[in-house]
Amino acid sequence: IPVIQENVKAAIGGQMSLFSLGFGNDVKYPFLDVMSRENNGLARRIYEGSDAALQLQGFYDEVSSPLLLDVDLRYPDNAVDSLTTNQFSQLFNGSEIVVAGRRKDNDIDNFPVQVSGQGQSNDFSEQGRFSALDWSGMYPDDDYIFGDFTERLWAYLTIQQLLDKSKTGDAEEKANASAEALDMSLRYSFVTPLTSMVVTKPETDDSPMIADKLTEEQRQQAERAGNYNYGYSAPPAPPTYF
């Protein structure tokens, strides 16, 4: 499989994007996903069912109308750090781009943002300004929702990008990306393929149970069998909820 991915990447040579479709339950979707990401594209699974045609139509609608290529969002180096991905190969009609990061100085709440990209007929460039928002002041009654929203959004995007990196590169790069993603998942209480999900028992028993997230192979086996079987084990200490 790695040889196929390397050959496809060499044949494309960065000159085009690769979009992959996987049909049914037995497809090796991680293979398609990695191969597409390595070639500036994306993969989608088409599930068995009467709506397969609608799924295909939805995929076509998603990728058939590119608006910009080589999109780049630039921020002042002295204003932000720990940015999530700020360069994107495409922007499709109806899609969105989200970039998150940390301000180096909390006293700086306004700075320029430059957006550039390549349109169908000419280059696109736009400059705006970032303004910090006080969520607690805007939604004082919903602080439990918005209190740390932006930080958790940054963490979520960073984890997703680390998980993507853990699928490509050499063994050391994969291991480092997985370790960092696991650390952030535990720190911010996110369920990821590297963590477990805690399920609470009925009120008659206060002991929680851990439900491990299914791997791709386990999910396929469960789908073929027509049901999902989760294994539970009681942890030796109070768990962290994800």
Protein backbone atom coordinates (compact mmCIF):
# COMPACT_ATOMS: atom_id res chain seq x y z
CA ILE A 1 0.00 0.00 0.00
CA PRO A 2 2.74 2.57 0.79
CA VAL A 3 4.30 1.80 -2.61
CA ILE A 4 0.99 2.56 -4.35
CA GLN A 5 0.68 5.83 -2.45
CA GLU A 6 4.25 6.83 -3.33
CA ASN A 7 3.74 5.95 -7.01
CA VAL A 8 0.51 7.96 -7.20
CA LYS A 9 2.14 10.97 -5.54
CA ALA A 10 5.10 10.78 -7.93
CA ALA A 11 2.83 10.47 -10.97
CA ILE A 12 0.72 13.48 -9.94
CA GLY A 13 3.78 15.55 -9.07
CA GLY A 14 1.77 18.25 -7.34
CA GLN A 15 0.11 19.24 -10.61
CA MET A 16 -3.43 18.30 -9.62
CA SER A 17 -5.61 17.25 -6.69
CA LEU A 18 -6.74 13.69 -6.06
CA PHE A 19 -10.30 13.01 -4.89
CA SER A 20 -11.13 9.43 -3.91
CA LEU A 21 -14.36 7.54 -3.37
CA GLY A 22 -14.68 4.35 -1.34
CA PHE A 23 -17.80 2.22 -1.82
CA GLY A 24 -19.28 -0.14 0.75
CA ASN A 25 -18.13 -1.54 4.07
CA ASP A 26 -15.03 -3.43 2.95
CA VAL A 27 -13.12 -0.52 1.44
CA LYS A 28 -9.75 0.36 2.99
CA TYR A 29 -10.74 3.94 3.63
CA PRO A 30 -7.60 5.02 5.55
CA PHE A 31 -5.56 4.12 2.45
CA LEU A 32 -7.73 6.38 0.26
CA ASP A 33 -7.76 9.13 2.87
CA VAL A 34 -3.97 9.30 3.21
CA MET A 35 -3.40 9.08 -0.54
CA SER A 36 -5.85 11.93 -1.18
CA ARG A 37 -4.42 14.16 1.55
CA GLU A 38 -0.90 13.65 0.21
CA ASN A 39 -2.13 14.98 -3.13
CA ASN A 40 -4.11 18.04 -1.94
CA GLY A 41 -7.47 16.31 -2.17
CA LEU A 42 -9.93 14.50 0.01
CA ALA A 43 -11.67 11.15 0.25
CA ARG A 44 -15.27 10.25 0.98
CA ARG A 45 -16.90 6.97 1.87
CA ILE A 46 -20.12 6.08 0.03
CA TYR A 47 -22.20 3.93 2.34
CA GLU A 48 -24.40 1.13 1.10
CA GLY A 49 -28.07 2.03 0.96
CA SER A 50 -30.83 3.49 -1.12
CA ASP A 51 -29.35 6.99 -0.84
CA ALA A 52 -26.00 6.10 -2.43
CA ALA A 53 -26.85 8.24 -5.44
CA LEU A 54 -27.52 11.21 -3.16
CA GLN A 55 -24.18 10.65 -1.44
CA LEU A 56 -22.43 10.73 -4.81
CA GLN A 57 -24.29 13.88 -5.78
CA GLY A 58 -23.33 15.50 -2.49
CA PHE A 59 -19.66 14.69 -3.06
CA TYR A 60 -19.80 16.12 -6.58
CA ASP A 61 -21.52 19.28 -5.34
CA GLU A 62 -18.81 19.65 -2.70
CA VAL A 63 -15.80 19.56 -5.04
CA SER A 64 -17.16 20.71 -8.41
CA SER A 65 -17.05 24.46 -7.75
CA PRO A 66 -13.58 25.59 -6.65
CA LEU A 67 -13.43 29.33 -5.95
CA LEU A 68 -9.77 29.81 -5.00
CA LEU A 69 -6.52 27.84 -5.14
CA ASP A 70 -3.48 28.19 -2.86
CA VAL A 71 -5.34 30.16 -0.19
CA ASP A 72 -3.03 31.80 2.35
CA LEU A 73 -4.06 33.66 5.52
CA ARG A 74 -1.23 35.74 6.96
CA TYR A 75 -0.99 37.28 10.40
CA PRO A 76 1.74 39.52 11.89
CA ASP A 77 4.54 37.39 13.35
CA ASN A 78 4.70 39.56 16.45
CA ALA A 79 0.97 39.19 17.16
CA VAL A 80 0.17 35.46 17.05
CA ASP A 81 1.72 32.04 17.50
CA SER A 82 0.64 28.39 17.61
CA LEU A 83 -1.45 28.89 14.48
CA THR A 84 -3.43 26.02 13.06
CA THR A 85 -3.07 25.42 9.32
CA ASN A 86 -3.31 28.76 7.53
CA GLN A 87 -2.54 27.58 3.98
CA PHE A 88 -5.11 25.64 1.97
CA SER A 89 -4.88 24.14 -1.49
CA GLN A 90 -8.52 24.91 -2.42
CA LEU A 91 -11.59 26.78 -1.30
CA PHE A 92 -14.84 25.36 -2.68
CA ASN A 93 -18.14 27.15 -3.10
CA GLY A 94 -20.23 26.62 0.02
CA SER A 95 -17.28 25.59 2.19
CA GLU A 96 -15.46 27.58 4.85
CA ILE A 97 -11.97 28.04 6.23
CA VAL A 98 -11.24 28.27 9.95
CA VAL A 99 -7.88 29.31 11.39
CA ALA A 100 -7.20 29.54 15.12
CA GLY A 101 -4.18 30.60 17.14
CA ARG A 102 -2.93 32.33 20.25
CA ARG A 103 -2.28 36.00 20.75
CA LYS A 104 1.25 36.67 21.96
CA ASP A 105 0.14 39.76 23.85
CA ASN A 106 -3.35 39.91 25.31
CA ASP A 107 -3.14 43.69 25.27
CA ILE A 108 -3.05 43.61 21.46
CA ASP A 109 -6.66 43.09 20.42
CA ASN A 110 -6.54 44.47 16.88
CA PHE A 111 -4.15 43.63 14.03
CA PRO A 112 -4.26 43.15 10.23
CA VAL A 113 -5.03 39.88 8.44
CA GLN A 114 -4.05 39.31 4.80
CA VAL A 115 -5.94 36.74 2.68
CA SER A 116 -4.64 35.78 -0.75
CA GLY A 117 -5.40 33.11 -3.32
CA GLN A 118 -5.55 32.30 -7.00
CA GLY A 119 -8.91 32.77 -8.70
CA GLN A 120 -10.06 31.37 -12.01
CA SER A 121 -9.11 34.46 -13.99
CA ASN A 122 -6.98 36.55 -11.63
CA ASP A 123 -5.32 36.59 -8.23
CA PHE A 124 -7.35 37.39 -5.13
CA SER A 125 -6.09 39.51 -2.26
CA GLU A 126 -7.98 41.05 0.62
CA GLN A 127 -6.90 42.68 3.85
CA GLY A 128 -8.97 42.98 6.99
CA ARG A 129 -8.47 43.41 10.70
CA PHE A 130 -8.78 40.98 13.55
CA SER A 131 -10.68 42.22 16.60
CA ALA A 132 -10.77 40.29 19.86
CA LEU A 133 -14.22 39.57 21.27
CA ASP A 134 -15.14 39.19 24.91
CA TRP A 135 -17.50 36.20 24.82
CA SER A 136 -18.33 36.51 28.51
CA GLY A 137 -19.46 40.09 27.97
CA MET A 138 -21.48 39.24 24.87
CA TYR A 139 -23.16 36.16 26.39
CA PRO A 140 -23.03 36.61 30.18
CA ASP A 141 -25.71 33.97 30.76
CA ASP A 142 -23.97 31.38 28.57
CA ASP A 143 -20.46 31.49 30.01
CA TYR A 144 -20.55 27.70 30.47
CA ILE A 145 -20.72 27.44 26.66
CA PHE A 146 -18.55 30.33 25.48
CA GLY A 147 -16.17 30.67 28.42
CA ASP A 148 -13.30 28.76 26.79
CA PHE A 149 -14.82 28.24 23.36
CA THR A 150 -12.03 29.74 21.26
CA GLU A 151 -9.29 27.90 23.14
CA ARG A 152 -11.10 24.59 22.71
CA LEU A 153 -11.69 25.36 19.03
CA TRP A 154 -7.95 25.92 18.63
CA ALA A 155 -7.23 22.67 20.48
CA TYR A 156 -9.74 20.72 18.38
CA LEU A 157 -8.29 21.96 15.08
CA THR A 158 -4.74 21.30 16.26
CA ILE A 159 -5.61 17.75 17.31
CA GLN A 160 -7.27 17.01 13.97
CA GLN A 161 -4.21 18.24 12.11
CA LEU A 162 -1.89 16.18 14.31
CA LEU A 163 -4.03 13.10 13.62
CA ASP A 164 -3.65 13.79 9.90
CA LYS A 165 0.13 14.06 10.32
CA SER A 166 0.16 10.76 12.23
CA LYS A 167 -0.99 9.01 9.04
CA THR A 168 1.85 10.29 6.83
CA GLY A 169 5.60 10.72 7.06
CA ASP A 170 8.21 8.42 8.57
CA ALA A 171 7.80 6.35 11.74
CA GLU A 172 9.29 9.01 14.03
CA GLU A 173 7.08 11.78 12.66
CA LYS A 174 3.99 9.60 13.02
CA ALA A 175 4.90 8.70 16.61
CA ASN A 176 5.56 12.33 17.59
CA ALA A 177 2.30 13.53 16.04
CA SER A 178 0.32 10.75 17.76
CA ALA A 179 1.92 11.48 21.13
CA GLU A 180 1.19 15.20 20.88
CA ALA A 181 -2.38 14.56 19.74
CA LEU A 182 -2.94 12.18 22.65
CA ASP A 183 -1.55 14.69 25.15
CA MET A 184 -3.83 17.46 23.87
CA SER A 185 -6.84 15.12 23.72
CA LEU A 186 -6.39 14.28 27.39
CA ARG A 187 -5.71 17.88 28.37
CA TYR A 188 -8.83 19.24 26.65
CA SER A 189 -11.08 16.19 27.16
CA PHE A 190 -11.73 15.30 23.52
CA VAL A 191 -12.70 11.86 22.25
CA THR A 192 -10.29 10.86 19.46
CA PRO A 193 -9.10 7.58 17.91
CA LEU A 194 -6.28 7.71 20.48
CA THR A 195 -8.50 8.02 23.56
CA SER A 196 -11.45 6.29 25.15
CA MET A 197 -14.98 7.46 25.77
CA VAL A 198 -16.36 7.23 29.30
CA VAL A 199 -19.93 5.98 29.68
CA THR A 200 -21.72 6.51 33.00
CA LYS A 201 -23.68 3.64 34.49
CA PRO A 202 -27.25 4.09 35.78
CA GLU A 203 -27.62 6.08 38.99
CA THR A 204 -27.85 2.88 41.01
CA ASP A 205 -24.15 2.30 40.43
CA ASP A 206 -21.71 5.22 40.57
CA SER A 207 -18.86 3.31 38.96
CA PRO A 208 -18.22 4.49 35.40
CA MET A 209 -17.35 2.27 32.46
CA ILE A 210 -14.97 2.90 29.57
CA ALA A 211 -16.13 2.31 26.01
CA ASP A 212 -13.19 2.08 23.63
CA LYS A 213 -13.73 3.71 20.26
CA LEU A 214 -13.92 1.19 17.43
CA THR A 215 -11.02 0.93 15.02
CA GLU A 216 -11.71 1.05 11.29
CA GLU A 217 -11.40 -2.74 11.03
CA GLN A 218 -13.70 -3.32 14.02
CA ARG A 219 -16.25 -0.90 12.60
CA GLN A 220 -16.29 -2.72 9.27
CA GLN A 221 -16.74 -6.08 11.00
CA ALA A 222 -19.59 -4.69 13.07
CA GLU A 223 -21.30 -3.27 10.00
CA ARG A 224 -21.04 -6.59 8.19
CA ALA A 225 -22.53 -8.32 11.22
CA GLY A 226 -25.32 -5.77 11.35
CA ASN A 227 -24.62 -4.47 14.84
CA TYR A 228 -22.00 -2.88 17.06
CA ASN A 229 -20.53 -4.61 20.10
CA TYR A 230 -18.74 -2.41 22.60
CA GLY A 231 -16.41 -3.77 25.25
CA TYR A 232 -16.47 -2.22 28.70
CA SER A 233 -14.00 -2.36 31.57
CA ALA A 234 -14.08 -0.63 34.92
CA PRO A 235 -11.10 1.69 35.47
CA PRO A 236 -9.11 1.41 38.70
CA ALA A 237 -9.38 5.15 39.42
CA PRO A 238 -11.87 7.97 38.79
CA PRO A 239 -11.81 8.65 35.04
CA THR A 240 -11.42 11.76 33.01
CA TYR A 241 -14.50 12.40 30.89
CA PHE A 242 -13.95 12.86 27.17
